Amino acid sequence: MNSFRGVFLVGFLACLSMLLIAGYFQFIEHLEPCPLCILQRVMVFVAGVFFLIGAIHNPVTTGRRVYGFLVLLAAGIGAAISARHVWIQNLPEDQVPSCGPGLNFILENFPLSQAVDMVLKGSGECADVLWTFLNLSIPAWTFIAFIVMCLVGLKQLFGHHKHPDFI
C-alpha cells in the first residue's frame, strides 16, 4: 500500500487496535495499568488522531510532511516512554524503584512538571511483567509499534511526493 491515505488509515486502525487490546487487558483480564502504561496509551491515542486526520485530509506535499512530523513526534515520545518502561522491567530486583502513588493522586497533588517527572521515573508496579508474547512484555511490543510509527512518519517527512492520490 503506497497511498498516503491508505497508509495513514492503516496507522489509525493499528492505534485503535492497540487501544482496544489495552482496554481488553484492563477491563476483561483485570491487568491494572501503571502510570507509564497510561502515558503510552495517551501517545498511541495522539498518534492515532494524527493518522486519522491525515487520512481524512489526504494533503499534498507540505501537508504530508506536516502529518509525518506530527506522527513522528507523538510516536517518538511514546517510544521513549515505552523504552523507559522496558528498562525498568529489566532492572535487577534490588534496583527497582519503590511503589508510588497512583497517577490520579500524582496529578491532583503535584504541579504538572513534578508529576511528569515522578511518572517518568517509574515505580515498583511499572517493573511488573504481567503478560508476555514471544518473550516480550506489553511495553516491549508497544515500543516496536512506536518504532514502526516513527518510520511511517519519517517516510512522509522526507519522502518524495509526486502528486496526491485519491482512494
N, C-alpha and C. Protein backbone atom coordinates (compact mmCIF):
# COMPACT_ATOMS: atom_id res chain seq x y z
N MET A 1 0.85 -1.17 0.00
CA MET A 1 0.00 0.00 0.00
C MET A 1 0.90 1.24 0.00
N ASN A 2 0.87 1.99 -1.08
CA ASN A 2 1.73 3.15 -1.22
C ASN A 2 1.01 4.47 -1.05
N SER A 3 -0.30 4.48 -1.05
CA SER A 3 -1.00 5.75 -0.96
C SER A 3 -0.93 6.32 0.45
N PHE A 4 -0.81 7.63 0.51
CA PHE A 4 -0.76 8.31 1.80
C PHE A 4 -2.00 7.99 2.62
N ARG A 5 -3.16 8.16 2.00
CA ARG A 5 -4.42 7.92 2.71
C ARG A 5 -4.49 6.49 3.22
N GLY A 6 -4.11 5.52 2.40
CA GLY A 6 -4.16 4.13 2.82
C GLY A 6 -3.21 3.82 3.97
N VAL A 7 -2.00 4.34 3.88
CA VAL A 7 -1.01 4.12 4.95
C VAL A 7 -1.49 4.75 6.24
N PHE A 8 -2.01 5.95 6.18
CA PHE A 8 -2.47 6.63 7.39
C PHE A 8 -3.74 5.99 7.95
N LEU A 9 -4.58 5.45 7.09
CA LEU A 9 -5.76 4.73 7.57
C LEU A 9 -5.33 3.46 8.32
N VAL A 10 -4.36 2.74 7.76
CA VAL A 10 -3.83 1.55 8.45
C VAL A 10 -3.19 1.95 9.78
N GLY A 11 -2.45 3.08 9.79
CA GLY A 11 -1.87 3.57 11.04
C GLY A 11 -2.93 3.86 12.09
N PHE A 12 -4.02 4.50 11.66
CA PHE A 12 -5.12 4.77 12.59
C PHE A 12 -5.72 3.47 13.12
N LEU A 13 -5.98 2.52 12.22
CA LEU A 13 -6.56 1.25 12.65
C LEU A 13 -5.63 0.48 13.58
N ALA A 14 -4.33 0.58 13.37
CA ALA A 14 -3.37 -0.06 14.26
C ALA A 14 -3.44 0.57 15.65
N CYS A 15 -3.50 1.90 15.70
CA CYS A 15 -3.60 2.58 17.00
C CYS A 15 -4.91 2.23 17.70
N LEU A 16 -6.00 2.22 16.94
CA LEU A 16 -7.28 1.84 17.52
C LEU A 16 -7.23 0.42 18.07
N SER A 17 -6.61 -0.49 17.33
CA SER A 17 -6.47 -1.88 17.79
C SER A 17 -5.66 -1.95 19.08
N MET A 18 -4.58 -1.18 19.14
CA MET A 18 -3.75 -1.17 20.35
C MET A 18 -4.55 -0.69 21.56
N LEU A 19 -5.36 0.33 21.37
CA LEU A 19 -6.16 0.85 22.48
C LEU A 19 -7.25 -0.15 22.89
N LEU A 20 -7.84 -0.83 21.91
CA LEU A 20 -8.85 -1.84 22.23
C LEU A 20 -8.22 -3.02 22.98
N ILE A 21 -7.03 -3.42 22.58
CA ILE A 21 -6.33 -4.51 23.28
C ILE A 21 -5.99 -4.08 24.71
N ALA A 22 -5.55 -2.83 24.87
CA ALA A 22 -5.24 -2.33 26.21
C ALA A 22 -6.50 -2.33 27.08
N GLY A 23 -7.62 -1.94 26.49
CA GLY A 23 -8.89 -1.98 27.22
C GLY A 23 -9.28 -3.40 27.59
N TYR A 24 -9.05 -4.35 26.69
CA TYR A 24 -9.32 -5.76 26.99
C TYR A 24 -8.48 -6.22 28.18
N PHE A 25 -7.19 -5.93 28.14
CA PHE A 25 -6.32 -6.33 29.25
C PHE A 25 -6.78 -5.71 30.57
N GLN A 26 -7.20 -4.44 30.53
CA GLN A 26 -7.59 -3.77 31.76
C GLN A 26 -8.96 -4.22 32.27
N PHE A 27 -9.95 -4.27 31.39
CA PHE A 27 -11.32 -4.49 31.85
C PHE A 27 -11.77 -5.95 31.82
N ILE A 28 -11.18 -6.77 31.00
CA ILE A 28 -11.56 -8.19 30.93
C ILE A 28 -10.56 -9.05 31.70
N GLU A 29 -9.27 -8.82 31.47
CA GLU A 29 -8.24 -9.61 32.15
C GLU A 29 -7.84 -9.02 33.51
N HIS A 30 -8.33 -7.83 33.82
CA HIS A 30 -8.08 -7.15 35.09
C HIS A 30 -6.60 -6.89 35.36
N LEU A 31 -5.86 -6.53 34.31
CA LEU A 31 -4.46 -6.11 34.47
C LEU A 31 -4.47 -4.59 34.62
N GLU A 32 -4.20 -4.14 35.81
CA GLU A 32 -4.26 -2.70 36.09
C GLU A 32 -3.05 -1.99 35.49
N PRO A 33 -3.27 -0.94 34.68
CA PRO A 33 -2.14 -0.25 34.06
C PRO A 33 -1.39 0.62 35.06
N CYS A 34 -0.08 0.64 34.92
CA CYS A 34 0.75 1.52 35.76
C CYS A 34 0.78 2.90 35.10
N PRO A 35 1.33 3.92 35.79
CA PRO A 35 1.38 5.26 35.19
C PRO A 35 2.09 5.32 33.84
N LEU A 36 3.17 4.55 33.65
CA LEU A 36 3.85 4.55 32.35
C LEU A 36 2.98 3.92 31.26
N CYS A 37 2.20 2.90 31.62
CA CYS A 37 1.27 2.30 30.65
C CYS A 37 0.25 3.34 30.20
N ILE A 38 -0.25 4.11 31.14
CA ILE A 38 -1.26 5.12 30.80
C ILE A 38 -0.66 6.17 29.87
N LEU A 39 0.57 6.62 30.15
CA LEU A 39 1.21 7.59 29.26
C LEU A 39 1.41 7.01 27.86
N GLN A 40 1.76 5.73 27.77
CA GLN A 40 1.91 5.10 26.46
C GLN A 40 0.57 5.08 25.72
N ARG A 41 -0.50 4.80 26.44
CA ARG A 41 -1.83 4.81 25.81
C ARG A 41 -2.17 6.20 25.29
N VAL A 42 -1.82 7.22 26.05
CA VAL A 42 -2.08 8.59 25.61
C VAL A 42 -1.34 8.87 24.30
N MET A 43 -0.09 8.44 24.21
CA MET A 43 0.68 8.70 22.99
C MET A 43 0.18 7.87 21.81
N VAL A 44 -0.33 6.66 22.06
CA VAL A 44 -0.95 5.87 20.99
C VAL A 44 -2.20 6.61 20.50
N PHE A 45 -2.97 7.14 21.43
CA PHE A 45 -4.17 7.91 21.06
C PHE A 45 -3.81 9.13 20.23
N VAL A 46 -2.80 9.88 20.68
CA VAL A 46 -2.38 11.09 19.96
C VAL A 46 -1.91 10.73 18.54
N ALA A 47 -1.07 9.72 18.43
CA ALA A 47 -0.61 9.29 17.10
C ALA A 47 -1.79 8.85 16.25
N GLY A 48 -2.73 8.13 16.84
CA GLY A 48 -3.93 7.68 16.12
C GLY A 48 -4.76 8.84 15.59
N VAL A 49 -4.87 9.88 16.40
CA VAL A 49 -5.61 11.07 15.95
C VAL A 49 -4.91 11.70 14.75
N PHE A 50 -3.58 11.83 14.80
CA PHE A 50 -2.84 12.39 13.67
C PHE A 50 -2.99 11.52 12.43
N PHE A 51 -2.94 10.21 12.61
CA PHE A 51 -3.14 9.31 11.48
C PHE A 51 -4.54 9.50 10.87
N LEU A 52 -5.56 9.57 11.72
CA LEU A 52 -6.93 9.71 11.23
C LEU A 52 -7.13 11.03 10.51
N ILE A 53 -6.69 12.13 11.11
CA ILE A 53 -6.85 13.44 10.47
C ILE A 53 -6.09 13.48 9.15
N GLY A 54 -4.89 12.92 9.13
CA GLY A 54 -4.12 12.87 7.89
C GLY A 54 -4.82 12.06 6.82
N ALA A 55 -5.40 10.93 7.18
CA ALA A 55 -6.11 10.09 6.21
C ALA A 55 -7.34 10.81 5.66
N ILE A 56 -8.06 11.49 6.52
CA ILE A 56 -9.25 12.22 6.07
C ILE A 56 -8.85 13.40 5.18
N HIS A 57 -7.84 14.14 5.61
CA HIS A 57 -7.40 15.33 4.88
C HIS A 57 -6.75 14.98 3.54
N ASN A 58 -5.92 13.91 3.53
CA ASN A 58 -5.20 13.46 2.34
C ASN A 58 -4.52 14.63 1.62
N PRO A 59 -3.59 15.32 2.29
CA PRO A 59 -2.99 16.52 1.72
C PRO A 59 -1.95 16.23 0.64
N VAL A 60 -1.47 17.30 0.05
CA VAL A 60 -0.38 17.21 -0.92
C VAL A 60 0.93 17.44 -0.17
N THR A 61 2.00 17.58 -0.84
CA THR A 61 3.38 17.58 -0.36
C THR A 61 3.60 18.15 1.04
N THR A 62 3.37 19.43 1.25
CA THR A 62 3.68 20.06 2.54
C THR A 62 2.83 19.47 3.65
N GLY A 63 1.56 19.25 3.40
CA GLY A 63 0.67 18.66 4.41
C GLY A 63 1.11 17.27 4.80
N ARG A 64 1.57 16.51 3.85
CA ARG A 64 2.04 15.16 4.16
C ARG A 64 3.26 15.22 5.07
N ARG A 65 4.11 16.18 4.83
CA ARG A 65 5.29 16.34 5.69
C ARG A 65 4.87 16.77 7.09
N VAL A 66 3.89 17.64 7.19
CA VAL A 66 3.40 18.10 8.49
C VAL A 66 2.83 16.92 9.27
N TYR A 67 1.97 16.13 8.62
CA TYR A 67 1.40 14.97 9.31
C TYR A 67 2.48 13.95 9.64
N GLY A 68 3.44 13.78 8.75
CA GLY A 68 4.56 12.88 9.04
C GLY A 68 5.33 13.32 10.27
N PHE A 69 5.57 14.64 10.37
CA PHE A 69 6.28 15.18 11.54
C PHE A 69 5.46 14.96 12.82
N LEU A 70 4.15 15.21 12.76
CA LEU A 70 3.31 15.05 13.95
C LEU A 70 3.27 13.59 14.41
N VAL A 71 3.16 12.66 13.47
CA VAL A 71 3.19 11.24 13.82
C VAL A 71 4.55 10.88 14.40
N LEU A 72 5.61 11.36 13.77
CA LEU A 72 6.97 11.11 14.26
C LEU A 72 7.15 11.64 15.68
N LEU A 73 6.66 12.83 15.94
CA LEU A 73 6.78 13.43 17.26
C LEU A 73 6.03 12.61 18.31
N ALA A 74 4.76 12.29 18.05
CA ALA A 74 3.96 11.52 19.01
C ALA A 74 4.56 10.13 19.22
N ALA A 75 4.93 9.47 18.13
CA ALA A 75 5.48 8.12 18.24
C ALA A 75 6.86 8.14 18.89
N GLY A 76 7.64 9.18 18.64
CA GLY A 76 8.96 9.29 19.26
C GLY A 76 8.86 9.44 20.77
N ILE A 77 7.92 10.28 21.21
CA ILE A 77 7.70 10.44 22.65
C ILE A 77 7.20 9.12 23.24
N GLY A 78 6.27 8.47 22.54
CA GLY A 78 5.77 7.17 23.01
C GLY A 78 6.87 6.12 23.07
N ALA A 79 7.76 6.12 22.07
CA ALA A 79 8.86 5.16 22.07
C ALA A 79 9.80 5.40 23.25
N ALA A 80 10.05 6.67 23.56
CA ALA A 80 10.91 6.99 24.71
C ALA A 80 10.28 6.50 26.01
N ILE A 81 8.98 6.71 26.15
CA ILE A 81 8.27 6.27 27.37
C ILE A 81 8.30 4.74 27.46
N SER A 82 8.00 4.07 26.35
CA SER A 82 7.98 2.60 26.41
C SER A 82 9.38 2.02 26.59
N ALA A 83 10.40 2.68 26.03
CA ALA A 83 11.78 2.22 26.25
C ALA A 83 12.14 2.34 27.73
N ARG A 84 11.75 3.44 28.34
CA ARG A 84 11.98 3.62 29.78
C ARG A 84 11.27 2.51 30.57
N HIS A 85 10.06 2.19 30.17
CA HIS A 85 9.28 1.16 30.85
C HIS A 85 9.97 -0.21 30.73
N VAL A 86 10.43 -0.53 29.54
CA VAL A 86 11.14 -1.80 29.33
C VAL A 86 12.42 -1.82 30.17
N TRP A 87 13.12 -0.70 30.23
CA TRP A 87 14.34 -0.62 31.04
C TRP A 87 14.02 -0.90 32.51
N ILE A 88 12.95 -0.29 33.02
CA ILE A 88 12.56 -0.51 34.43
C ILE A 88 12.21 -1.98 34.64
N GLN A 89 11.52 -2.60 33.67
CA GLN A 89 11.15 -4.01 33.81
C GLN A 89 12.37 -4.93 33.84
N ASN A 90 13.47 -4.48 33.28
CA ASN A 90 14.66 -5.32 33.22
C ASN A 90 15.71 -4.98 34.27
N LEU A 91 15.37 -4.10 35.19
CA LEU A 91 16.29 -3.79 36.29
C LEU A 91 16.41 -4.97 37.23
N PRO A 92 17.58 -5.15 37.86
CA PRO A 92 17.68 -6.16 38.92
C PRO A 92 16.69 -5.81 40.04
N GLU A 93 16.20 -6.83 40.70
CA GLU A 93 15.14 -6.64 41.69
C GLU A 93 15.51 -5.62 42.78
N ASP A 94 16.79 -5.58 43.18
CA ASP A 94 17.20 -4.65 44.24
C ASP A 94 17.29 -3.20 43.76
N GLN A 95 17.19 -2.97 42.44
CA GLN A 95 17.28 -1.60 41.91
C GLN A 95 15.92 -1.05 41.44
N VAL A 96 14.88 -1.86 41.55
CA VAL A 96 13.55 -1.42 41.13
C VAL A 96 13.07 -0.33 42.09
N PRO A 97 12.55 0.78 41.56
CA PRO A 97 12.04 1.84 42.44
C PRO A 97 10.88 1.32 43.28
N SER A 98 10.69 1.93 44.43
CA SER A 98 9.58 1.52 45.29
C SER A 98 8.26 1.94 44.64
N CYS A 99 7.19 1.27 45.05
CA CYS A 99 5.87 1.60 44.51
C CYS A 99 5.47 2.99 44.98
N GLY A 100 4.89 3.73 44.10
CA GLY A 100 4.48 5.10 44.41
C GLY A 100 2.98 5.23 44.37
N PRO A 101 2.50 6.46 44.52
CA PRO A 101 1.05 6.69 44.46
C PRO A 101 0.55 6.52 43.03
N GLY A 102 -0.76 6.39 42.88
CA GLY A 102 -1.37 6.24 41.57
C GLY A 102 -1.30 7.54 40.77
N LEU A 103 -1.55 7.42 39.48
CA LEU A 103 -1.47 8.57 38.58
C LEU A 103 -2.45 9.67 38.97
N ASN A 104 -3.66 9.31 39.33
CA ASN A 104 -4.66 10.32 39.74
C ASN A 104 -4.17 11.13 40.93
N PHE A 105 -3.62 10.45 41.94
CA PHE A 105 -3.11 11.15 43.12
C PHE A 105 -1.99 12.09 42.73
N ILE A 106 -1.07 11.61 41.89
CA ILE A 106 0.07 12.44 41.48
C ILE A 106 -0.41 13.69 40.77
N LEU A 107 -1.34 13.52 39.79
CA LEU A 107 -1.82 14.66 39.02
C LEU A 107 -2.61 15.66 39.86
N GLU A 108 -3.31 15.17 40.88
CA GLU A 108 -4.13 16.05 41.72
C GLU A 108 -3.31 16.79 42.77
N ASN A 109 -2.15 16.25 43.15
CA ASN A 109 -1.43 16.81 44.29
C ASN A 109 -0.06 17.42 43.98
N PHE A 110 0.36 17.36 42.73
CA PHE A 110 1.67 17.91 42.38
C PHE A 110 1.56 18.78 41.14
N PRO A 111 2.44 19.79 41.02
CA PRO A 111 2.46 20.58 39.78
C PRO A 111 2.77 19.66 38.60
N LEU A 112 2.29 20.04 37.41
CA LEU A 112 2.42 19.17 36.24
C LEU A 112 3.86 18.77 35.96
N SER A 113 4.80 19.70 36.04
CA SER A 113 6.20 19.35 35.74
C SER A 113 6.73 18.31 36.73
N GLN A 114 6.38 18.46 37.99
CA GLN A 114 6.82 17.49 39.01
C GLN A 114 6.09 16.15 38.82
N ALA A 115 4.82 16.21 38.45
CA ALA A 115 4.04 14.99 38.23
C ALA A 115 4.62 14.18 37.07
N VAL A 116 4.94 14.85 35.96
CA VAL A 116 5.52 14.16 34.81
C VAL A 116 6.86 13.55 35.20
N ASP A 117 7.68 14.29 35.94
CA ASP A 117 8.97 13.78 36.38
C ASP A 117 8.80 12.53 37.24
N MET A 118 7.83 12.56 38.16
CA MET A 118 7.59 11.42 39.05
C MET A 118 7.14 10.19 38.24
N VAL A 119 6.25 10.40 37.28
CA VAL A 119 5.73 9.29 36.49
C VAL A 119 6.84 8.68 35.64
N LEU A 120 7.66 9.53 35.01
CA LEU A 120 8.71 9.02 34.14
C LEU A 120 9.82 8.29 34.90
N LYS A 121 9.99 8.60 36.16
CA LYS A 121 10.97 7.86 36.97
C LYS A 121 10.50 6.43 37.18
N GLY A 122 9.20 6.21 37.09
CA GLY A 122 8.67 4.87 37.26
C GLY A 122 8.54 4.51 38.72
N SER A 123 7.87 3.40 38.94
CA SER A 123 7.71 2.90 40.30
C SER A 123 7.65 1.38 40.26
N GLY A 124 7.52 0.78 41.41
CA GLY A 124 7.57 -0.67 41.52
C GLY A 124 6.57 -1.39 40.64
N GLU A 125 5.35 -0.86 40.54
CA GLU A 125 4.35 -1.55 39.72
C GLU A 125 4.70 -1.51 38.24
N CYS A 126 5.53 -0.54 37.83
CA CYS A 126 5.96 -0.46 36.43
C CYS A 126 6.94 -1.58 36.09
N ALA A 127 7.56 -2.17 37.11
CA ALA A 127 8.54 -3.24 36.88
C ALA A 127 7.87 -4.60 36.70
N ASP A 128 6.61 -4.70 37.08
CA ASP A 128 5.90 -5.98 36.96
C ASP A 128 5.64 -6.32 35.49
N VAL A 129 5.98 -7.54 35.11
CA VAL A 129 5.66 -8.04 33.76
C VAL A 129 4.45 -8.94 33.94
N LEU A 130 3.28 -8.46 33.49
CA LEU A 130 2.04 -9.18 33.73
C LEU A 130 1.62 -10.07 32.56
N TRP A 131 2.24 -9.87 31.39
CA TRP A 131 1.86 -10.62 30.20
C TRP A 131 3.01 -10.59 29.22
N THR A 132 3.26 -11.69 28.55
CA THR A 132 4.28 -11.71 27.50
C THR A 132 3.77 -12.49 26.30
N PHE A 133 4.32 -12.17 25.15
CA PHE A 133 4.10 -12.92 23.92
C PHE A 133 5.43 -12.95 23.21
N LEU A 134 5.87 -14.13 22.83
CA LEU A 134 7.20 -14.33 22.24
C LEU A 134 8.30 -13.73 23.12
N ASN A 135 8.09 -13.87 24.42
CA ASN A 135 9.05 -13.43 25.43
C ASN A 135 9.21 -11.91 25.51
N LEU A 136 8.28 -11.16 24.94
CA LEU A 136 8.30 -9.69 25.03
C LEU A 136 7.08 -9.22 25.81
N SER A 137 7.30 -8.24 26.69
CA SER A 137 6.22 -7.68 27.51
C SER A 137 5.38 -6.71 26.69
N ILE A 138 4.28 -6.27 27.27
CA ILE A 138 3.41 -5.29 26.61
C ILE A 138 4.18 -4.02 26.26
N PRO A 139 4.97 -3.43 27.19
CA PRO A 139 5.73 -2.24 26.80
C PRO A 139 6.74 -2.49 25.68
N ALA A 140 7.30 -3.70 25.60
CA ALA A 140 8.24 -4.01 24.52
C ALA A 140 7.51 -4.04 23.18
N TRP A 141 6.33 -4.65 23.14
CA TRP A 141 5.54 -4.67 21.91
C TRP A 141 5.10 -3.25 21.54
N THR A 142 4.76 -2.47 22.55
CA THR A 142 4.37 -1.08 22.29
C THR A 142 5.54 -0.29 21.74
N PHE A 143 6.74 -0.53 22.26
CA PHE A 143 7.94 0.12 21.73
C PHE A 143 8.12 -0.21 20.25
N ILE A 144 7.96 -1.48 19.89
CA ILE A 144 8.09 -1.88 18.48
C ILE A 144 7.06 -1.15 17.62
N ALA A 145 5.83 -1.08 18.11
CA ALA A 145 4.78 -0.38 17.36
C ALA A 145 5.13 1.10 17.19
N PHE A 146 5.65 1.73 18.23
CA PHE A 146 6.03 3.14 18.12
C PHE A 146 7.18 3.32 17.12
N ILE A 147 8.12 2.39 17.07
CA ILE A 147 9.22 2.49 16.11
C ILE A 147 8.67 2.41 14.68
N VAL A 148 7.72 1.50 14.45
CA VAL A 148 7.10 1.40 13.12
C VAL A 148 6.39 2.72 12.78
N MET A 149 5.67 3.29 13.75
CA MET A 149 5.01 4.57 13.51
C MET A 149 6.03 5.66 13.19
N CYS A 150 7.15 5.65 13.89
CA CYS A 150 8.22 6.63 13.61
C CYS A 150 8.71 6.48 12.17
N LEU A 151 8.87 5.25 11.72
CA LEU A 151 9.32 5.02 10.35
C LEU A 151 8.31 5.54 9.34
N VAL A 152 7.02 5.35 9.61
CA VAL A 152 5.98 5.88 8.74
C VAL A 152 6.06 7.41 8.71
N GLY A 153 6.21 8.02 9.88
CA GLY A 153 6.34 9.47 9.95
C GLY A 153 7.56 9.98 9.20
N LEU A 154 8.69 9.28 9.36
CA LEU A 154 9.92 9.68 8.66
C LEU A 154 9.76 9.57 7.14
N LYS A 155 9.08 8.52 6.69
CA LYS A 155 8.88 8.35 5.25
C LYS A 155 8.05 9.52 4.70
N GLN A 156 7.04 9.94 5.43
CA GLN A 156 6.22 11.06 4.96
C GLN A 156 6.98 12.38 5.07
N LEU A 157 7.78 12.50 6.10
CA LEU A 157 8.52 13.75 6.31
C LEU A 157 9.60 13.94 5.25
N PHE A 158 10.32 12.88 4.90
CA PHE A 158 11.45 13.02 4.00
C PHE A 158 11.25 12.35 2.64
N GLY A 159 10.09 11.71 2.44
CA GLY A 159 9.84 11.02 1.18
C GLY A 159 9.54 11.98 0.04
N HIS A 160 9.62 11.45 -1.16
CA HIS A 160 9.32 12.23 -2.36
C HIS A 160 7.83 12.09 -2.66
N HIS A 161 7.12 13.21 -2.76
CA HIS A 161 5.69 13.20 -3.01
C HIS A 161 5.42 13.80 -4.39
N LYS A 162 5.00 12.94 -5.33
CA LYS A 162 4.77 13.40 -6.70
C LYS A 162 3.43 14.10 -6.86
N HIS A 163 2.37 13.46 -6.46
CA HIS A 163 1.03 14.01 -6.65
C HIS A 163 0.10 13.39 -5.64
N PRO A 164 -1.04 14.02 -5.39
CA PRO A 164 -1.98 13.44 -4.44
C PRO A 164 -2.62 12.18 -5.01
N ASP A 165 -3.00 11.29 -4.14
CA ASP A 165 -3.71 10.10 -4.57
C ASP A 165 -5.14 10.17 -4.08
N PHE A 166 -6.04 9.60 -4.80
CA PHE A 166 -7.45 9.65 -4.44
C PHE A 166 -7.97 8.22 -4.35
N ILE A 167 -8.15 7.78 -3.10
CA ILE A 167 -8.67 6.43 -2.88
C ILE A 167 -10.01 6.55 -2.22
